[in-house]
């Protein structure tokens, strides 16, 4: 467009245009080209402003992504440390369980493992204040009397959930 306007202006300046009508048309075309060029320059400026705004937004979002990624990395590191600690505790507790399980009669251990499988991982529950801590049900007075009468080494079970009851000083017997 600039080249065309320059060529038309050169033609006008050189006096090569002979008729007034051609001269008027050439001047109108030069004015039209100048207006069109101004309009296009305005569009280019607007596009450049939008581009600048978009680049600022990209920079802002990139910074936010970096911040979020930093938080993700921190959370991942904490999670990994917690898993490592849990794995260590699991190994320790597993070893302790093996030592204790070796001293428990095989029939009782078999019953306990069977109950654990049936009861979602909990085969024995504490008897606390006359309440089974496995099913959270208070035992009836007749059940409590039977438990009181049982020998200390007798295996007693909850009538509601069938878990093995562990008697302590807090059992309320």
Protein backbone atom coordinates (compact mmCIF):
# COMPACT_ATOMS: atom_id res chain seq x y z
CA UNK A 1 0.00 0.00 0.00
CA UNK A 2 2.86 2.36 0.82
CA UNK A 3 4.58 1.47 -2.44
CA UNK A 4 1.43 2.11 -4.40
CA UNK A 5 0.88 5.46 -2.65
CA UNK A 6 4.52 6.42 -3.32
CA UNK A 7 4.22 5.41 -6.99
CA UNK A 8 0.99 7.41 -7.38
CA UNK A 9 2.56 10.44 -5.65
CA UNK A 10 5.58 10.21 -7.97
CA UNK A 11 3.28 10.07 -10.96
CA UNK A 12 1.37 13.10 -9.67
CA UNK A 13 4.59 15.04 -8.94
CA UNK A 14 6.11 14.25 -12.30
CA UNK A 15 3.20 15.83 -14.17
CA UNK A 16 2.66 12.72 -16.27
CA UNK A 17 -1.08 13.00 -15.73
CA UNK A 18 -2.57 15.04 -18.54
CA UNK A 19 -6.31 15.26 -17.93
CA UNK A 20 -7.85 16.97 -14.92
CA UNK A 21 -10.15 14.02 -14.40
CA UNK A 22 -7.17 11.61 -14.14
CA UNK A 23 -5.48 14.11 -11.83
CA UNK A 24 -8.56 14.24 -9.59
CA UNK A 25 -8.85 10.41 -9.58
CA UNK A 26 -5.17 10.08 -8.71
CA UNK A 27 -5.49 12.57 -5.83
CA UNK A 28 -8.59 10.74 -4.56
CA UNK A 29 -6.76 7.41 -4.73
CA UNK A 30 -3.77 8.84 -2.83
CA UNK A 31 -6.14 10.22 -0.15
CA UNK A 32 -7.98 6.87 -0.02
CA UNK A 33 -4.68 5.00 0.32
CA UNK A 34 -3.56 7.38 3.10
CA UNK A 35 -6.86 6.82 4.95
CA UNK A 36 -6.63 3.06 4.49
CA UNK A 37 -3.01 3.12 5.69
CA UNK A 38 -4.07 5.10 8.79
CA UNK A 39 -6.85 2.59 9.48
CA UNK A 40 -4.46 -0.33 9.13
CA UNK A 41 -1.92 1.35 11.41
CA UNK A 42 -4.68 1.77 14.02
CA UNK A 43 -5.52 -1.93 13.70
CA UNK A 44 -1.83 -2.82 14.05
CA UNK A 45 -1.55 -0.65 17.17
CA UNK A 46 -4.64 -2.30 18.66
CA UNK A 47 -3.27 -5.75 17.87
CA UNK A 48 0.07 -4.80 19.43
CA UNK A 49 -1.70 -3.57 22.59
CA UNK A 50 -3.69 -6.80 22.81
CA UNK A 51 -0.51 -8.79 22.23
CA UNK A 52 1.25 -6.89 25.01
CA UNK A 53 -1.69 -7.50 27.34
CA UNK A 54 -1.70 -11.19 26.42
CA UNK A 55 2.04 -11.43 27.05
CA UNK A 56 1.59 -9.85 30.49
CA UNK A 57 -1.18 -12.35 31.23
CA UNK A 58 1.05 -15.21 30.04
CA UNK A 59 3.84 -14.00 32.33
CA UNK A 60 1.41 -13.76 35.26
CA UNK A 61 0.01 -17.24 34.60
CA UNK A 62 3.49 -18.67 34.15
CA UNK A 63 4.44 -17.27 37.55
CA UNK A 64 1.30 -18.76 39.08
CA UNK A 65 2.04 -22.13 37.47
CA UNK A 66 5.54 -21.98 38.96
CA UNK A 67 4.10 -21.20 42.37
CA UNK A 68 1.57 -24.02 42.16
CA UNK A 69 4.26 -26.41 40.93
CA UNK A 70 6.40 -25.44 43.93
CA UNK A 71 3.51 -26.24 46.27
CA UNK A 72 2.92 -29.53 44.46
CA UNK A 73 6.59 -30.44 44.80
CA UNK A 74 6.49 -29.56 48.51
CA UNK A 75 3.34 -31.64 49.08
CA UNK A 76 4.85 -34.53 47.14
CA UNK A 77 8.00 -34.40 49.27
CA UNK A 78 5.93 -34.35 52.48
CA UNK A 79 3.79 -37.24 51.20
CA UNK A 80 6.87 -39.27 50.30
CA UNK A 81 8.40 -38.62 53.73
CA UNK A 82 5.14 -39.63 55.44
CA UNK A 83 4.94 -42.81 53.35
CA UNK A 84 8.51 -43.63 54.24
CA UNK A 85 7.71 -43.15 57.93
CA UNK A 86 4.54 -45.26 57.61
CA UNK A 87 6.48 -48.00 55.84
CA UNK A 88 9.02 -47.97 58.67
CA UNK A 89 6.30 -48.14 61.31
CA UNK A 90 4.57 -50.95 59.41
CA UNK A 91 7.77 -52.96 59.30
CA UNK A 92 8.35 -52.38 63.02
CA UNK A 93 4.79 -53.31 63.99
CA UNK A 94 4.90 -56.37 61.73
CA UNK A 95 8.04 -57.56 63.52
CA UNK A 96 6.44 -56.92 66.92
CA UNK A 97 3.32 -58.81 65.84
CA UNK A 98 5.41 -61.78 64.73
CA UNK A 99 7.12 -61.90 68.15
CA UNK A 100 3.79 -61.69 70.02
CA UNK A 101 2.06 -64.11 67.63
CA UNK A 102 4.74 -66.70 68.35
CA UNK A 103 3.73 -66.73 72.02
CA UNK A 104 -0.04 -67.04 71.34
CA UNK A 105 -1.62 -70.51 71.04
CA UNK A 106 -2.20 -71.49 67.40
CA UNK A 107 -5.97 -72.01 67.84
CA UNK A 108 -6.42 -68.52 69.35
CA UNK A 109 -4.26 -66.93 66.63
CA UNK A 110 -6.28 -68.73 63.96
CA UNK A 111 -9.56 -67.49 65.52
CA UNK A 112 -8.18 -63.95 65.75
CA UNK A 113 -7.05 -63.95 62.09
CA UNK A 114 -10.42 -65.31 60.98
CA UNK A 115 -12.25 -62.58 62.94
CA UNK A 116 -9.94 -59.90 61.55
CA UNK A 117 -10.81 -60.98 58.04
CA UNK A 118 -14.55 -60.99 58.78
CA UNK A 119 -14.62 -57.75 60.80
CA UNK A 120 -12.66 -55.44 58.49
CA UNK A 121 -9.25 -55.87 60.09
CA UNK A 122 -10.23 -55.80 63.80
CA UNK A 123 -10.48 -59.22 65.44
CA UNK A 124 -10.30 -58.15 69.09
CA UNK A 125 -11.77 -55.20 70.92
CA UNK A 126 -11.27 -53.65 74.34
CA UNK A 127 -14.06 -54.01 76.91
CA UNK A 128 -14.30 -50.50 78.32
CA UNK A 129 -16.93 -49.41 80.87
CA UNK A 130 -19.09 -52.44 80.04
CA UNK A 131 -19.03 -51.51 76.32
CA UNK A 132 -17.44 -53.44 73.47
CA UNK A 133 -15.17 -50.99 71.66
CA UNK A 134 -15.53 -53.03 68.45
CA UNK A 135 -19.28 -52.57 67.92
CA UNK A 136 -19.79 -49.82 70.56
CA UNK A 137 -22.63 -51.78 72.18
CA UNK A 138 -23.07 -51.94 75.93
CA UNK A 139 -23.14 -55.53 77.09
CA UNK A 140 -26.19 -56.91 78.88
CA UNK A 141 -25.90 -57.62 82.60
CA UNK A 142 -26.08 -61.38 81.98
CA UNK A 143 -23.14 -61.21 79.57
CA UNK A 144 -21.17 -59.11 82.05
CA UNK A 145 -21.87 -61.66 84.82
CA UNK A 146 -20.62 -64.48 82.57
CA UNK A 147 -17.46 -62.51 81.77
CA UNK A 148 -16.90 -61.78 85.51
CA UNK A 149 -17.25 -65.47 86.29
CA UNK A 150 -14.86 -66.56 83.53
CA UNK A 151 -11.25 -67.32 84.38
CA UNK A 152 -8.76 -64.53 83.49
CA UNK A 153 -7.16 -66.66 80.74
CA UNK A 154 -10.50 -67.65 79.17
CA UNK A 155 -11.22 -66.19 75.74
CA UNK A 156 -14.48 -64.21 75.90
CA UNK A 157 -16.31 -62.82 72.89
CA UNK A 158 -18.85 -60.09 72.32
CA UNK A 159 -22.33 -61.49 71.64
CA UNK A 160 -23.08 -58.65 69.18
CA UNK A 161 -20.05 -58.52 66.90
CA UNK A 162 -18.36 -61.83 67.91
CA UNK A 163 -14.96 -60.14 68.40
CA UNK A 164 -12.59 -61.31 71.11
CA UNK A 165 -12.99 -59.06 74.17
CA UNK A 166 -9.86 -57.81 75.90
CA UNK A 167 -10.50 -57.26 79.59
CA UNK A 168 -8.68 -54.50 81.47
CA UNK A 169 -9.07 -52.67 84.77
CA UNK A 170 -11.31 -50.19 82.93
CA UNK A 171 -13.74 -52.89 81.78
CA UNK A 172 -16.25 -52.09 84.51
CA UNK A 173 -16.49 -55.64 85.78
